[in-house]
Amino acid sequence: MENYIKEDRYLKAKERVNELRGFYIHLTTYTIIIGGLAVINFAVDGLRYPWFLWAAFGWGIGLALHALRTFNVFPFFGKSWEDRKIKEFIKKDEERYNDLNRK
């Protein structure tokens, strides 16, 4: 049983690290691409019309949502909500199973 608990903790920690890694890759990609678009925008028209900001804004919304989810700030359907629902369904299943065995 102790090995199961250790393995479960390890798998949860590994999942968390993967979530963080995914976010930091997303952030790095965003920074490089938006920076490159800003350089191109400056080279083409000297930022008279900063069109790269449209891409930065649109992609920035997605990046912000990714950050909220990664750092468990998103109030709806986050990791704690998932865990509560899983425990709730397991408990209902166990109750149904116990009721069937009693009859």
PDB file of N, CA and C in Angstrom:
ATOM      1  N   MET A   1       0.827  -1.200   0.000  1.00  0.00           N
ATOM      2  CA  MET A   1       0.000   0.000   0.000  1.00  0.00           C
ATOM      3  C   MET A   1       0.864   1.253   0.000  1.00  0.00           C
ATOM      4  N   GLU A   2       1.963   1.191   0.755  1.00  0.00           N
ATOM      5  CA  GLU A   2       2.860   2.348   0.838  1.00  0.00           C
ATOM      6  C   GLU A   2       3.486   2.649  -0.526  1.00  0.00           C
ATOM      7  N   ASN A   3       3.829   1.579  -1.269  1.00  0.00           N
ATOM      8  CA  ASN A   3       4.389   1.775  -2.610  1.00  0.00           C
ATOM      9  C   ASN A   3       3.379   2.438  -3.533  1.00  0.00           C
ATOM     10  N   TYR A   4       2.119   2.056  -3.384  1.00  0.00           N
ATOM     11  CA  TYR A   4       1.055   2.656  -4.202  1.00  0.00           C
ATOM     12  C   TYR A   4       0.963   4.162  -3.928  1.00  0.00           C
ATOM     13  N   ILE A   5       1.033   4.542  -2.662  1.00  0.00           N
ATOM     14  CA  ILE A   5       0.947   5.959  -2.288  1.00  0.00           C
ATOM     15  C   ILE A   5       2.138   6.724  -2.842  1.00  0.00           C
ATOM     16  N   LYS A   6       3.336   6.144  -2.724  1.00  0.00           N
ATOM     17  CA  LYS A   6       4.532   6.796  -3.259  1.00  0.00           C
ATOM     18  C   LYS A   6       4.431   6.945  -4.777  1.00  0.00           C
ATOM     19  N   GLU A   7       3.964   5.896  -5.437  1.00  0.00           N
ATOM     20  CA  GLU A   7       3.834   5.943  -6.896  1.00  0.00           C
ATOM     21  C   GLU A   7       2.796   6.981  -7.310  1.00  0.00           C
ATOM     22  N   ASP A   8       1.695   7.036  -6.574  1.00  0.00           N
ATOM     23  CA  ASP A   8       0.660   8.026  -6.863  1.00  0.00           C
ATOM     24  C   ASP A   8       1.201   9.440  -6.709  1.00  0.00           C
ATOM     25  N   ARG A   9       1.940   9.684  -5.644  1.00  0.00           N
ATOM     26  CA  ARG A   9       2.546  11.005  -5.423  1.00  0.00           C
ATOM     27  C   ARG A   9       3.525  11.338  -6.538  1.00  0.00           C
ATOM     28  N   TYR A  10       4.315  10.340  -6.931  1.00  0.00           N
ATOM     29  CA  TYR A  10       5.284  10.546  -8.006  1.00  0.00           C
ATOM     30  C   TYR A  10       4.570  10.907  -9.308  1.00  0.00           C
ATOM     31  N   LEU A  11       3.507  10.180  -9.635  1.00  0.00           N
ATOM     32  CA  LEU A  11       2.780  10.440 -10.877  1.00  0.00           C
ATOM     33  C   LEU A  11       2.129  11.822 -10.869  1.00  0.00           C
ATOM     34  N   LYS A  12       1.592  12.229  -9.712  1.00  0.00           N
ATOM     35  CA  LYS A  12       1.008  13.569  -9.605  1.00  0.00           C
ATOM     36  C   LYS A  12       2.075  14.645  -9.755  1.00  0.00           C
ATOM     37  N   ALA A  13       3.234  14.440  -9.144  1.00  0.00           N
ATOM     38  CA  ALA A  13       4.327  15.402  -9.255  1.00  0.00           C
ATOM     39  C   ALA A  13       4.831  15.481 -10.690  1.00  0.00           C
ATOM     40  N   LYS A  14       4.921  14.337 -11.339  1.00  0.00           N
ATOM     41  CA  LYS A  14       5.375  14.307 -12.735  1.00  0.00           C
ATOM     42  C   LYS A  14       4.376  15.035 -13.636  1.00  0.00           C
ATOM     43  N   GLU A  15       3.094  14.831 -13.394  1.00  0.00           N
ATOM     44  CA  GLU A  15       2.056  15.523 -14.162  1.00  0.00           C
ATOM     45  C   GLU A  15       2.162  17.038 -13.966  1.00  0.00           C
ATOM     46  N   ARG A  16       2.398  17.450 -12.745  1.00  0.00           N
ATOM     47  CA  ARG A  16       2.536  18.882 -12.432  1.00  0.00           C
ATOM     48  C   ARG A  16       3.746  19.488 -13.140  1.00  0.00           C
ATOM     49  N   VAL A  17       4.866  18.754 -13.127  1.00  0.00           N
ATOM     50  CA  VAL A  17       6.078  19.223 -13.810  1.00  0.00           C
ATOM     51  C   VAL A  17       5.818  19.352 -15.307  1.00  0.00           C
ATOM     52  N   ASN A  18       5.102  18.400 -15.872  1.00  0.00           N
ATOM     53  CA  ASN A  18       4.773  18.476 -17.304  1.00  0.00           C
ATOM     54  C   ASN A  18       3.891  19.679 -17.616  1.00  0.00           C
ATOM     55  N   GLU A  19       2.946  19.988 -16.728  1.00  0.00           N
ATOM     56  CA  GLU A  19       2.100  21.169 -16.920  1.00  0.00           C
ATOM     57  C   GLU A  19       2.943  22.444 -16.900  1.00  0.00           C
ATOM     58  N   LEU A  20       3.839  22.539 -15.913  1.00  0.00           N
ATOM     59  CA  LEU A  20       4.711  23.717 -15.817  1.00  0.00           C
ATOM     60  C   LEU A  20       5.618  23.827 -17.038  1.00  0.00           C
ATOM     61  N   ARG A  21       6.185  22.717 -17.445  1.00  0.00           N
ATOM     62  CA  ARG A  21       7.064  22.699 -18.614  1.00  0.00           C
ATOM     63  C   ARG A  21       6.318  23.169 -19.854  1.00  0.00           C
ATOM     64  N   GLY A  22       5.105  22.687 -20.031  1.00  0.00           N
ATOM     65  CA  GLY A  22       4.292  23.100 -21.173  1.00  0.00           C
ATOM     66  C   GLY A  22       4.017  24.594 -21.175  1.00  0.00           C
ATOM     67  N   PHE A  23       3.734  25.132 -19.992  1.00  0.00           N
ATOM     68  CA  PHE A  23       3.486  26.574 -19.911  1.00  0.00           C
ATOM     69  C   PHE A  23       4.741  27.365 -20.242  1.00  0.00           C
ATOM     70  N   TYR A  24       5.884  26.965 -19.684  1.00  0.00           N
ATOM     71  CA  TYR A  24       7.121  27.712 -19.937  1.00  0.00           C
ATOM     72  C   TYR A  24       7.551  27.610 -21.400  1.00  0.00           C
ATOM     73  N   ILE A  25       7.297  26.491 -22.048  1.00  0.00           N
ATOM     74  CA  ILE A  25       7.559  26.376 -23.489  1.00  0.00           C
ATOM     75  C   ILE A  25       6.654  27.340 -24.246  1.00  0.00           C
ATOM     76  N   HIS A  26       5.384  27.396 -23.865  1.00  0.00           N
ATOM     77  CA  HIS A  26       4.426  28.310 -24.491  1.00  0.00           C
ATOM     78  C   HIS A  26       4.880  29.760 -24.313  1.00  0.00           C
ATOM     79  N   LEU A  27       5.293  30.119 -23.098  1.00  0.00           N
ATOM     80  CA  LEU A  27       5.750  31.476 -22.807  1.00  0.00           C
ATOM     81  C   LEU A  27       6.999  31.836 -23.619  1.00  0.00           C
ATOM     82  N   THR A  28       7.948  30.907 -23.698  1.00  0.00           N
ATOM     83  CA  THR A  28       9.173  31.144 -24.462  1.00  0.00           C
ATOM     84  C   THR A  28       8.865  31.327 -25.946  1.00  0.00           C
ATOM     85  N   THR A  29       8.018  30.476 -26.484  1.00  0.00           N
ATOM     86  CA  THR A  29       7.627  30.577 -27.883  1.00  0.00           C
ATOM     87  C   THR A  29       6.942  31.905 -28.156  1.00  0.00           C
ATOM     88  N   TYR A  30       6.037  32.291 -27.285  1.00  0.00           N
ATOM     89  CA  TYR A  30       5.333  33.573 -27.407  1.00  0.00           C
ATOM     90  C   TYR A  30       6.328  34.727 -27.448  1.00  0.00           C
ATOM     91  N   THR A  31       7.261  34.736 -26.516  1.00  0.00           N
ATOM     92  CA  THR A  31       8.237  35.820 -26.424  1.00  0.00           C
ATOM     93  C   THR A  31       9.096  35.913 -27.684  1.00  0.00           C
ATOM     94  N   ILE A  32       9.575  34.777 -28.165  1.00  0.00           N
ATOM     95  CA  ILE A  32      10.438  34.766 -29.353  1.00  0.00           C
ATOM     96  C   ILE A  32       9.666  35.206 -30.598  1.00  0.00           C
ATOM     97  N   ILE A  33       8.474  34.636 -30.807  1.00  0.00           N
ATOM     98  CA  ILE A  33       7.702  34.950 -32.017  1.00  0.00           C
ATOM     99  C   ILE A  33       7.221  36.398 -32.004  1.00  0.00           C
ATOM    100  N   ILE A  34       6.674  36.847 -30.900  1.00  0.00           N
ATOM    101  CA  ILE A  34       6.182  38.230 -30.831  1.00  0.00           C
ATOM    102  C   ILE A  34       7.357  39.207 -30.953  1.00  0.00           C
ATOM    103  N   GLY A  35       8.480  38.877 -30.336  1.00  0.00           N
ATOM    104  CA  GLY A  35       9.674  39.708 -30.491  1.00  0.00           C
ATOM    105  C   GLY A  35      10.119  39.782 -31.948  1.00  0.00           C
ATOM    106  N   GLY A  36      10.102  38.636 -32.615  1.00  0.00           N
ATOM    107  CA  GLY A  36      10.457  38.604 -34.046  1.00  0.00           C
ATOM    108  C   GLY A  36       9.492  39.417 -34.890  1.00  0.00           C
ATOM    109  N   LEU A  37       8.203  39.315 -34.605  1.00  0.00           N
ATOM    110  CA  LEU A  37       7.215  40.108 -35.340  1.00  0.00           C
ATOM    111  C   LEU A  37       7.416  41.605 -35.108  1.00  0.00           C
ATOM    112  N   ALA A  38       7.797  41.971 -33.877  1.00  0.00           N
ATOM    113  CA  ALA A  38       8.054  43.383 -33.576  1.00  0.00           C
ATOM    114  C   ALA A  38       9.258  43.888 -34.371  1.00  0.00           C
ATOM    115  N   VAL A  39      10.293  43.063 -34.473  1.00  0.00           N
ATOM    116  CA  VAL A  39      11.473  43.449 -35.259  1.00  0.00           C
ATOM    117  C   VAL A  39      11.103  43.609 -36.729  1.00  0.00           C
ATOM    118  N   ILE A  40      10.336  42.664 -37.261  1.00  0.00           N
ATOM    119  CA  ILE A  40       9.896  42.760 -38.659  1.00  0.00           C
ATOM    120  C   ILE A  40       9.047  44.010 -38.856  1.00  0.00           C
ATOM    121  N   ASN A  41       8.124  44.261 -37.941  1.00  0.00           N
ATOM    122  CA  ASN A  41       7.267  45.441 -38.025  1.00  0.00           C
ATOM    123  C   ASN A  41       8.116  46.718 -38.034  1.00  0.00           C
ATOM    124  N   PHE A  42       9.116  46.776 -37.177  1.00  0.00           N
ATOM    125  CA  PHE A  42       9.995  47.950 -37.117  1.00  0.00           C
ATOM    126  C   PHE A  42      10.805  48.096 -38.405  1.00  0.00           C
ATOM    127  N   ALA A  43      11.302  46.976 -38.942  1.00  0.00           N
ATOM    128  CA  ALA A  43      12.116  47.011 -40.159  1.00  0.00           C
ATOM    129  C   ALA A  43      11.294  47.433 -41.373  1.00  0.00           C
ATOM    130  N   VAL A  44      10.030  47.044 -41.414  1.00  0.00           N
ATOM    131  CA  VAL A  44       9.195  47.327 -42.585  1.00  0.00           C
ATOM    132  C   VAL A  44       8.684  48.763 -42.577  1.00  0.00           C
ATOM    133  N   ASP A  45       8.133  49.209 -41.486  1.00  0.00           N
ATOM    134  CA  ASP A  45       7.542  50.558 -41.503  1.00  0.00           C
ATOM    135  C   ASP A  45       7.876  51.414 -40.284  1.00  0.00           C
ATOM    136  N   GLY A  46       8.880  51.019 -39.536  1.00  0.00           N
ATOM    137  CA  GLY A  46       9.314  51.833 -38.404  1.00  0.00           C
ATOM    138  C   GLY A  46       8.261  51.996 -37.323  1.00  0.00           C
ATOM    139  N   LEU A  47       7.399  51.030 -37.178  1.00  0.00           N
ATOM    140  CA  LEU A  47       6.336  51.026 -36.165  1.00  0.00           C
ATOM    141  C   LEU A  47       5.327  52.165 -36.335  1.00  0.00           C
ATOM    142  N   ARG A  48       5.164  52.652 -37.578  1.00  0.00           N
ATOM    143  CA  ARG A  48       4.106  53.664 -37.790  1.00  0.00           C
ATOM    144  C   ARG A  48       2.744  53.053 -37.481  1.00  0.00           C
ATOM    145  N   TYR A  49       2.573  51.784 -37.865  1.00  0.00           N
ATOM    146  CA  TYR A  49       1.372  51.044 -37.483  1.00  0.00           C
ATOM    147  C   TYR A  49       1.840  49.749 -36.816  1.00  0.00           C
ATOM    148  N   PRO A  50       1.772  49.661 -35.507  1.00  0.00           N
ATOM    149  CA  PRO A  50       2.303  48.480 -34.796  1.00  0.00           C
ATOM    150  C   PRO A  50       1.364  47.270 -34.893  1.00  0.00           C
ATOM    151  N   TRP A  51       1.307  46.670 -36.070  1.00  0.00           N
ATOM    152  CA  TRP A  51       0.402  45.542 -36.306  1.00  0.00           C
ATOM    153  C   TRP A  51       0.761  44.308 -35.480  1.00  0.00           C
ATOM    154  N   PHE A  52       2.022  44.190 -35.052  1.00  0.00           N
ATOM    155  CA  PHE A  52       2.405  43.008 -34.269  1.00  0.00           C
ATOM    156  C   PHE A  52       1.649  42.931 -32.945  1.00  0.00           C
ATOM    157  N   LEU A  53       1.130  44.091 -32.495  1.00  0.00           N
ATOM    158  CA  LEU A  53       0.374  44.087 -31.235  1.00  0.00           C
ATOM    159  C   LEU A  53      -0.929  43.293 -31.347  1.00  0.00           C
ATOM    160  N   TRP A  54      -1.506  43.201 -32.543  1.00  0.00           N
ATOM    161  CA  TRP A  54      -2.713  42.390 -32.727  1.00  0.00           C
ATOM    162  C   TRP A  54      -2.418  40.923 -32.431  1.00  0.00           C
ATOM    163  N   ALA A  55      -1.293  40.448 -32.963  1.00  0.00           N
ATOM    164  CA  ALA A  55      -0.891  39.058 -32.691  1.00  0.00           C
ATOM    165  C   ALA A  55      -0.554  38.881 -31.210  1.00  0.00           C
ATOM    166  N   ALA A  56       0.140  39.871 -30.640  1.00  0.00           N
ATOM    167  CA  ALA A  56       0.514  39.789 -29.222  1.00  0.00           C
ATOM    168  C   ALA A  56      -0.728  39.742 -28.337  1.00  0.00           C
ATOM    169  N   PHE A  57      -1.718  40.547 -28.673  1.00  0.00           N
ATOM    170  CA  PHE A  57      -2.945  40.583 -27.878  1.00  0.00           C
ATOM    171  C   PHE A  57      -3.724  39.263 -27.996  1.00  0.00           C
ATOM    172  N   GLY A  58      -3.931  38.806 -29.219  1.00  0.00           N
ATOM    173  CA  GLY A  58      -4.686  37.562 -29.426  1.00  0.00           C
ATOM    174  C   GLY A  58      -4.028  36.360 -28.780  1.00  0.00           C
ATOM    175  N   TRP A  59      -2.752  36.206 -29.037  1.00  0.00           N
ATOM    176  CA  TRP A  59      -2.015  35.083 -28.472  1.00  0.00           C
ATOM    177  C   TRP A  59      -1.867  35.257 -26.962  1.00  0.00           C
ATOM    178  N   GLY A  60      -1.754  36.508 -26.520  1.00  0.00           N
ATOM    179  CA  GLY A  60      -1.619  36.806 -25.093  1.00  0.00           C
ATOM    180  C   GLY A  60      -2.819  36.343 -24.289  1.00  0.00           C
ATOM    181  N   ILE A  61      -4.008  36.420 -24.885  1.00  0.00           N
ATOM    182  CA  ILE A  61      -5.210  35.922 -24.203  1.00  0.00           C
ATOM    183  C   ILE A  61      -5.069  34.418 -23.942  1.00  0.00           C
ATOM    184  N   GLY A  62      -4.659  33.693 -24.974  1.00  0.00           N
ATOM    185  CA  GLY A  62      -4.453  32.249 -24.810  1.00  0.00           C
ATOM    186  C   GLY A  62      -3.375  31.931 -23.799  1.00  0.00           C
ATOM    187  N   LEU A  63      -2.308  32.711 -23.813  1.00  0.00           N
ATOM    188  CA  LEU A  63      -1.215  32.510 -22.855  1.00  0.00           C
ATOM    189  C   LEU A  63      -1.680  32.792 -21.429  1.00  0.00           C
ATOM    190  N   ALA A  64      -2.479  33.837 -21.264  1.00  0.00           N
ATOM    191  CA  ALA A  64      -2.999  34.168 -19.929  1.00  0.00           C
ATOM    192  C   ALA A  64      -3.898  33.048 -19.403  1.00  0.00           C
ATOM    193  N   LEU A  65      -4.755  32.503 -20.257  1.00  0.00           N
ATOM    194  CA  LEU A  65      -5.617  31.385 -19.840  1.00  0.00           C
ATOM    195  C   LEU A  65      -4.787  30.159 -19.491  1.00  0.00           C
ATOM    196  N   HIS A  66      -3.736  29.919 -20.265  1.00  0.00           N
ATOM    197  CA  HIS A  66      -2.843  28.792 -19.970  1.00  0.00           C
ATOM    198  C   HIS A  66      -2.181  28.987 -18.606  1.00  0.00           C
ATOM    199  N   ALA A  67      -1.756  30.213 -18.311  1.00  0.00           N
ATOM    200  CA  ALA A  67      -1.140  30.501 -17.009  1.00  0.00           C
ATOM    201  C   ALA A  67      -2.133  30.290 -15.873  1.00  0.00           C
ATOM    202  N   LEU A  68      -3.368  30.760 -16.055  1.00  0.00           N
ATOM    203  CA  LEU A  68      -4.379  30.586 -15.010  1.00  0.00           C
ATOM    204  C   LEU A  68      -4.610  29.115 -14.707  1.00  0.00           C
ATOM    205  N   ARG A  69      -4.653  28.315 -15.752  1.00  0.00           N
ATOM    206  CA  ARG A  69      -4.880  26.882 -15.556  1.00  0.00           C
ATOM    207  C   ARG A  69      -3.660  26.205 -14.935  1.00  0.00           C
ATOM    208  N   THR A  70      -2.485  26.568 -15.417  1.00  0.00           N
ATOM    209  CA  THR A  70      -1.254  25.944 -14.914  1.00  0.00           C
ATOM    210  C   THR A  70      -1.032  26.232 -13.442  1.00  0.00           C
ATOM    211  N   PHE A  71      -1.290  27.464 -13.027  1.00  0.00           N
ATOM    212  CA  PHE A  71      -1.028  27.845 -11.648  1.00  0.00           C
ATOM    213  C   PHE A  71      -2.275  27.762 -10.775  1.00  0.00           C
ATOM    214  N   ASN A  72      -3.285  27.030 -11.239  1.00  0.00           N
ATOM    215  CA  ASN A  72      -4.510  26.740 -10.487  1.00  0.00           C
ATOM    216  C   ASN A  72      -5.211  27.997  -9.973  1.00  0.00           C
ATOM    217  N   VAL A  73      -5.236  29.024 -10.781  1.00  0.00           N
ATOM    218  CA  VAL A  73      -5.923  30.256 -10.426  1.00  0.00           C
ATOM    219  C   VAL A  73      -7.304  30.272 -11.054  1.00  0.00           C
ATOM    220  N   PHE A  74      -7.477  29.481 -12.108  1.00  0.00           N
ATOM    221  CA  PHE A  74      -8.740  29.448 -12.829  1.00  0.00           C
ATOM    222  C   PHE A  74      -9.818  28.899 -11.897  1.00  0.00           C
ATOM    223  N   PRO A  75     -10.835  29.702 -11.579  1.00  0.00           N
ATOM    224  CA  PRO A  75     -11.786  29.305 -10.549  1.00  0.00           C
ATOM    225  C   PRO A  75     -12.757  28.193 -10.962  1.00  0.00           C
ATOM    226  N   PHE A  76     -12.964  28.003 -12.248  1.00  0.00           N
ATOM    227  CA  PHE A  76     -13.954  27.030 -12.701  1.00  0.00           C
ATOM    228  C   PHE A  76     -13.266  25.834 -13.328  1.00  0.00           C
ATOM    229  N   PHE A  77     -13.686  24.665 -12.926  1.00  0.00           N
ATOM    230  CA  PHE A  77     -13.220  23.413 -13.510  1.00  0.00           C
ATOM    231  C   PHE A  77     -11.702  23.255 -13.440  1.00  0.00           C
ATOM    232  N   GLY A  78     -11.120  23.655 -12.329  1.00  0.00           N
ATOM    233  CA  GLY A  78      -9.682  23.507 -12.122  1.00  0.00           C
ATOM    234  C   GLY A  78      -9.344  22.130 -11.593  1.00  0.00           C
ATOM    235  N   LYS A  79      -8.109  21.973 -11.189  1.00  0.00           N
ATOM    236  CA  LYS A  79      -7.624  20.680 -10.705  1.00  0.00           C
ATOM    237  C   LYS A  79      -8.352  20.245  -9.430  1.00  0.00           C
ATOM    238  N   SER A  80      -8.618  21.192  -8.532  1.00  0.00           N
ATOM    239  CA  SER A  80      -9.297  20.813  -7.286  1.00  0.00           C
ATOM    240  C   SER A  80     -10.733  20.362  -7.579  1.00  0.00           C
ATOM    241  N   TRP A  81     -11.382  20.987  -8.553  1.00  0.00           N
ATOM    242  CA  TRP A  81     -12.730  20.586  -8.943  1.00  0.00           C
ATOM    243  C   TRP A  81     -12.693  19.166  -9.496  1.00  0.00           C
ATOM    244  N   GLU A  82     -11.689  18.875 -10.359  1.00  0.00           N
ATOM    245  CA  GLU A  82     -11.545  17.526 -10.915  1.00  0.00           C
ATOM    246  C   GLU A  82     -11.365  16.498  -9.805  1.00  0.00           C
ATOM    247  N   ASP A  83     -10.480  16.802  -8.867  1.00  0.00           N
ATOM    248  CA  ASP A  83     -10.219  15.867  -7.764  1.00  0.00           C
ATOM    249  C   ASP A  83     -11.474  15.614  -6.930  1.00  0.00           C
ATOM    250  N   ARG A  84     -12.220  16.681  -6.645  1.00  0.00           N
ATOM    251  CA  ARG A  84     -13.469  16.523  -5.865  1.00  0.00           C
ATOM    252  C   ARG A  84     -14.462  15.640  -6.615  1.00  0.00           C
ATOM    253  N   LYS A  85     -14.606  15.878  -7.909  1.00  0.00           N
ATOM    254  CA  LYS A  85     -15.561  15.088  -8.695  1.00  0.00           C
ATOM    255  C   LYS A  85     -15.139  13.621  -8.778  1.00  0.00           C
ATOM    256  N   ILE A  86     -13.857  13.372  -8.947  1.00  0.00           N
ATOM    257  CA  ILE A  86     -13.371  11.994  -9.010  1.00  0.00           C
ATOM    258  C   ILE A  86     -13.678  11.275  -7.698  1.00  0.00           C
ATOM    259  N   LYS A  87     -13.379  11.936  -6.575  1.00  0.00           N
ATOM    260  CA  LYS A  87     -13.659  11.330  -5.265  1.00  0.00           C
ATOM    261  C   LYS A  87     -15.156  11.097  -5.080  1.00  0.00           C
ATOM    262  N   GLU A  88     -15.963  12.044  -5.555  1.00  0.00           N
ATOM    263  CA  GLU A  88     -17.416  11.906  -5.445  1.00  0.00           C
ATOM    264  C   GLU A  88     -17.913  10.693  -6.226  1.00  0.00           C
ATOM    265  N   PHE A  89     -17.426  10.516  -7.456  1.00  0.00           N
ATOM    266  CA  PHE A  89     -17.855   9.385  -8.278  1.00  0.00           C
ATOM    267  C   PHE A  89     -17.358   8.053  -7.704  1.00  0.00           C
ATOM    268  N   ILE A  90     -16.151   8.043  -7.176  1.00  0.00           N
ATOM    269  CA  ILE A  90     -15.628   6.816  -6.560  1.00  0.00           C
ATOM    270  C   ILE A  90     -16.475   6.447  -5.351  1.00  0.00           C
ATOM    271  N   LYS A  91     -16.826   7.437  -4.544  1.00  0.00           N
ATOM    272  CA  LYS A  91     -17.640   7.186  -3.354  1.00  0.00           C
ATOM    273  C   LYS A  91     -19.013   6.633  -3.746  1.00  0.00           C
ATOM    274  N   LYS A  92     -19.646   7.218  -4.767  1.00  0.00           N
ATOM    275  CA  LYS A  92     -20.949   6.723  -5.224  1.00  0.00           C
ATOM    276  C   LYS A  92     -20.838   5.295  -5.737  1.00  0.00           C
ATOM    277  N   ASP A  93     -19.770   5.012  -6.481  1.00  0.00           N
ATOM    278  CA  ASP A  93     -19.560   3.666  -6.992  1.00  0.00           C
ATOM    279  C   ASP A  93     -19.391   2.666  -5.854  1.00  0.00           C
ATOM    280  N   GLU A  94     -18.616   3.029  -4.858  1.00  0.00           N
ATOM    281  CA  GLU A  94     -18.406   2.143  -3.710  1.00  0.00           C
ATOM    282  C   GLU A  94     -19.708   1.897  -2.965  1.00  0.00           C
ATOM    283  N   GLU A  95     -20.525   2.937  -2.796  1.00  0.00           N
ATOM    284  CA  GLU A  95     -21.814   2.785  -2.117  1.00  0.00           C
ATOM    285  C   GLU A  95     -22.725   1.847  -2.902  1.00  0.00           C
ATOM    286  N   ARG A  96     -22.763   2.004  -4.227  1.00  0.00           N
ATOM    287  CA  ARG A  96     -23.579   1.123  -5.072  1.00  0.00           C
ATOM    288  C   ARG A  96     -23.110  -0.324  -4.968  1.00  0.00           C
ATOM    289  N   TYR A  97     -21.803  -0.497  -5.001  1.00  0.00           N
ATOM    290  CA  TYR A  97     -21.229  -1.838  -4.899  1.00  0.00           C
ATOM    291  C   TYR A  97     -21.558  -2.468  -3.552  1.00  0.00           C
ATOM    292  N   ASN A  98     -21.418  -1.698  -2.478  1.00  0.00           N
ATOM    293  CA  ASN A  98     -21.723  -2.208  -1.121  1.00  0.00           C
ATOM    294  C   ASN A  98     -23.209  -2.531  -0.994  1.00  0.00           C
ATOM    295  N   ASP A  99     -24.081  -1.706  -1.572  1.00  0.00           N
ATOM    296  CA  ASP A  99     -25.513  -1.983  -1.528  1.00  0.00           C
ATOM    297  C   ASP A  99     -25.846  -3.278  -2.250  1.00  0.00           C
ATOM    298  N   LEU A 100     -25.221  -3.531  -3.386  1.00  0.00           N
ATOM    299  CA  LEU A 100     -25.468  -4.756  -4.136  1.00  0.00           C
ATOM    300  C   LEU A 100     -24.985  -5.996  -3.378  1.00  0.00           C
ATOM    301  N   ASN A 101     -23.882  -5.872  -2.679  1.00  0.00           N
ATOM    302  CA  ASN A 101     -23.337  -7.003  -1.915  1.00  0.00           C
ATOM    303  C   ASN A 101     -24.168  -7.310  -0.674  1.00  0.00           C
ATOM    304  N   ARG A 102     -24.860  -6.338  -0.139  1.00  0.00           N
ATOM    305  CA  ARG A 102     -25.684  -6.544   1.049  1.00  0.00           C
ATOM    306  C   ARG A 102     -26.971  -7.297   0.713  1.00  0.00           C
ATOM    307  N   LYS A 103     -27.423  -7.175  -0.489  1.00  0.00           N
ATOM    308  CA  LYS A 103     -28.719  -7.792  -0.877  1.00  0.00           C
ATOM    309  C   LYS A 103     -28.599  -9.237  -1.195  1.00  0.00           C
TER     310      LYS A 103
END
